[in-house]
Every structure is written in C-alpha cells, then in structure tokens.
N, C-alpha and C. Protein backbone atom coordinates (compact mmCIF):
# COMPACT_ATOMS: atom_id res chain seq x y z
N MET A 1 -156.53 174.85 7.77
CA MET A 1 -156.08 176.13 7.15
C MET A 1 -154.85 176.18 6.33
N ALA A 2 -154.75 176.10 5.07
CA ALA A 2 -153.40 176.31 4.75
C ALA A 2 -152.71 177.74 4.94
N GLU A 3 -151.27 177.42 5.17
CA GLU A 3 -150.24 178.88 5.11
C GLU A 3 -150.18 179.58 4.10
N LYS A 4 -149.86 180.57 3.79
CA LYS A 4 -149.24 181.16 2.66
C LYS A 4 -147.66 181.07 2.80
N LYS A 5 -146.67 181.09 1.88
CA LYS A 5 -145.40 181.43 1.70
C LYS A 5 -145.22 182.84 1.77
N ASN A 6 -143.83 183.15 2.16
CA ASN A 6 -143.86 184.77 2.07
C ASN A 6 -143.09 184.88 0.70
N GLU A 7 -143.96 184.97 -0.33
CA GLU A 7 -143.54 185.19 -1.81
C GLU A 7 -143.48 186.45 -2.28
N GLY A 8 -143.91 187.26 -1.52
CA GLY A 8 -143.85 188.62 -2.15
C GLY A 8 -145.26 188.71 -2.97
N PHE A 9 -144.92 190.00 -3.87
CA PHE A 9 -146.33 190.33 -4.54
C PHE A 9 -146.61 189.42 -5.42
N GLN A 10 -147.49 189.22 -6.31
CA GLN A 10 -147.64 188.36 -7.47
C GLN A 10 -147.64 189.35 -8.56
N SER A 11 -146.64 189.05 -9.70
CA SER A 11 -146.33 189.93 -10.72
C SER A 11 -147.85 189.60 -11.74
N GLY A 12 -148.10 190.30 -12.44
CA GLY A 12 -148.92 190.90 -13.28
C GLY A 12 -149.05 190.64 -14.94
N ALA A 13 -149.72 190.27 -15.62
CA ALA A 13 -149.90 190.07 -16.87
C ALA A 13 -148.72 189.12 -17.43
N GLY A 14 -148.53 188.02 -16.68
CA GLY A 14 -147.40 186.88 -16.94
C GLY A 14 -146.08 187.14 -16.99
N LEU A 15 -145.74 188.27 -16.11
CA LEU A 15 -144.42 188.77 -15.96
C LEU A 15 -143.90 188.00 -14.71
N ILE A 16 -142.51 187.73 -15.20
CA ILE A 16 -142.08 186.91 -13.85
C ILE A 16 -141.06 187.72 -13.44
N ARG A 17 -140.56 187.58 -11.72
CA ARG A 17 -139.42 188.21 -11.36
C ARG A 17 -138.36 187.29 -11.44
N TYR A 18 -137.36 187.76 -11.88
CA TYR A 18 -136.02 187.28 -12.09
C TYR A 18 -134.75 187.52 -11.02
N PHE A 19 -135.19 188.79 -10.49
CA PHE A 19 -133.97 189.26 -9.79
C PHE A 19 -133.70 188.32 -8.63
N GLU A 20 -134.70 187.33 -8.13
CA GLU A 20 -134.06 186.20 -7.03
C GLU A 20 -133.23 185.29 -7.61
N GLU A 21 -133.28 185.26 -9.03
CA GLU A 21 -132.62 183.73 -9.36
C GLU A 21 -131.37 184.28 -10.34
N GLU A 22 -130.73 185.24 -9.95
CA GLU A 22 -129.65 185.99 -10.77
C GLU A 22 -128.49 185.04 -10.45
N GLU A 23 -127.81 184.82 -11.38
CA GLU A 23 -126.67 184.03 -11.41
C GLU A 23 -125.13 184.85 -12.15
N ILE A 24 -124.47 184.59 -11.78
CA ILE A 24 -123.05 185.25 -12.24
C ILE A 24 -122.16 183.87 -12.54
N ASN A 25 -121.85 183.87 -13.98
CA ASN A 25 -121.44 182.79 -14.48
C ASN A 25 -119.74 183.20 -15.14
N GLY A 26 -119.65 184.29 -15.14
CA GLY A 26 -118.22 185.13 -15.61
C GLY A 26 -117.26 185.34 -14.34
N PRO A 27 -116.26 185.45 -14.48
CA PRO A 27 -115.47 185.88 -13.45
C PRO A 27 -115.68 187.56 -12.90
N ALA A 28 -115.77 187.47 -11.50
CA ALA A 28 -115.90 188.96 -11.00
C ALA A 28 -115.01 189.77 -11.14
N LEU A 29 -114.77 191.14 -11.75
CA LEU A 29 -113.57 191.79 -12.05
C LEU A 29 -113.76 192.95 -11.25
N ASP A 30 -112.64 193.46 -10.79
CA ASP A 30 -112.73 194.91 -9.78
C ASP A 30 -112.84 195.95 -10.84
N PRO A 31 -113.85 196.89 -11.23
CA PRO A 31 -113.67 197.80 -11.96
C PRO A 31 -112.52 198.92 -11.86
N LYS A 32 -111.77 198.67 -11.08
CA LYS A 32 -110.63 199.61 -10.88
C LYS A 32 -109.88 198.52 -11.69
N LEU A 33 -109.66 197.31 -11.72
CA LEU A 33 -108.65 196.65 -12.37
C LEU A 33 -108.94 196.77 -14.22
N VAL A 34 -109.96 196.93 -14.52
CA VAL A 34 -110.15 196.88 -16.02
C VAL A 34 -109.81 198.25 -16.23
N ILE A 35 -109.97 199.68 -15.58
CA ILE A 35 -109.34 200.84 -15.82
C ILE A 35 -108.09 200.55 -16.03
N TYR A 36 -107.21 199.89 -14.92
CA TYR A 36 -105.92 200.29 -14.89
C TYR A 36 -105.32 199.15 -16.20
N LEU A 37 -105.77 198.26 -16.38
CA LEU A 37 -105.54 197.49 -17.58
C LEU A 37 -105.91 198.35 -19.07
N GLY A 38 -106.79 199.09 -18.96
CA GLY A 38 -106.94 200.02 -20.24
C GLY A 38 -105.94 201.19 -20.35
N ILE A 39 -105.52 201.58 -19.17
CA ILE A 39 -104.60 202.34 -19.06
C ILE A 39 -103.35 201.99 -19.66
N MET A 40 -102.93 200.86 -18.94
CA MET A 40 -101.59 199.98 -19.23
C MET A 40 -101.60 199.61 -20.95
N VAL A 41 -102.61 199.47 -21.37
CA VAL A 41 -102.65 198.99 -23.11
C VAL A 41 -102.52 200.03 -23.67
N ALA A 42 -103.28 201.30 -23.45
CA ALA A 42 -103.03 202.74 -24.15
C ALA A 42 -101.54 203.07 -24.12
N VAL A 43 -100.85 202.88 -23.04
CA VAL A 43 -99.39 203.23 -23.01
C VAL A 43 -98.56 202.28 -23.45
N ILE A 44 -98.73 201.04 -23.53
CA ILE A 44 -98.21 200.29 -24.11
C ILE A 44 -98.29 200.54 -25.80
N VAL A 45 -99.53 200.19 -26.11
CA VAL A 45 -99.37 200.82 -27.86
C VAL A 45 -98.94 201.99 -28.29
N GLU A 46 -98.84 203.39 -27.14
CA GLU A 46 -98.17 204.53 -27.60
C GLU A 46 -96.50 204.05 -27.69
N LEU A 47 -96.19 203.59 -26.50
CA LEU A 47 -94.95 203.29 -26.46
C LEU A 47 -94.22 202.43 -27.61
N ILE A 48 -95.14 201.37 -28.24
CA ILE A 48 -94.89 200.86 -29.67
C ILE A 48 -94.64 201.58 -30.68
N SER A 49 -95.49 202.39 -30.61
CA SER A 49 -95.75 203.31 -31.81
C SER A 49 -94.59 204.67 -31.99
N LYS A 50 -94.12 204.67 -30.92
CA LYS A 50 -93.09 205.65 -30.87
C LYS A 50 -91.54 204.76 -31.37
N PHE A 51 -91.45 203.54 -30.84
CA PHE A 51 -90.18 202.84 -31.30
C PHE A 51 -90.25 202.07 -32.23
N TRP A 52 -91.14 201.96 -32.88
CA TRP A 52 -91.41 201.38 -34.13
C TRP A 52 -92.66 201.64 -34.97
N PRO A 53 -92.19 202.77 -35.32
CA PRO A 53 -93.29 203.66 -36.52
C PRO A 53 -93.15 203.04 -37.77
N ILE A 54 -94.62 203.06 -38.25
CA ILE A 54 -94.95 202.18 -39.22
C ILE A 54 -94.71 203.13 -40.82
N THR A 55 -94.58 204.41 -40.58
CA THR A 55 -94.21 205.08 -41.98
C THR A 55 -92.88 205.68 -41.81
C-alpha cells in the first residue's frame, strides 16, 4: 500500500498554491530605513530650495 505525502489540501480548478515557493530576489530593507531616507531627502530638498532659489 502506497503512503501519501503530507502535501496539504488539493487546489481546485487548476489553481496552484505558490506561497510555499516564495523567493525574495531583492534586498530586504527595514521599513524604518525607508521612512528615514524619505524624511532625509525631503529635508535636503527643502534646504536646497532655501539656499538656491530658482526665481
């Protein structure tokens, strides 16, 4: 008698479960770092506009 592998439930209508094969190809960034970088860029842009006005 053949044993069944523990594969979970079968997907219906030809749908495939992809969450087991998830890959991360890009760099993992901390969300706080992204917010801090955004704030720093905004401050730098404001300082540049104060010291070197266009008009």
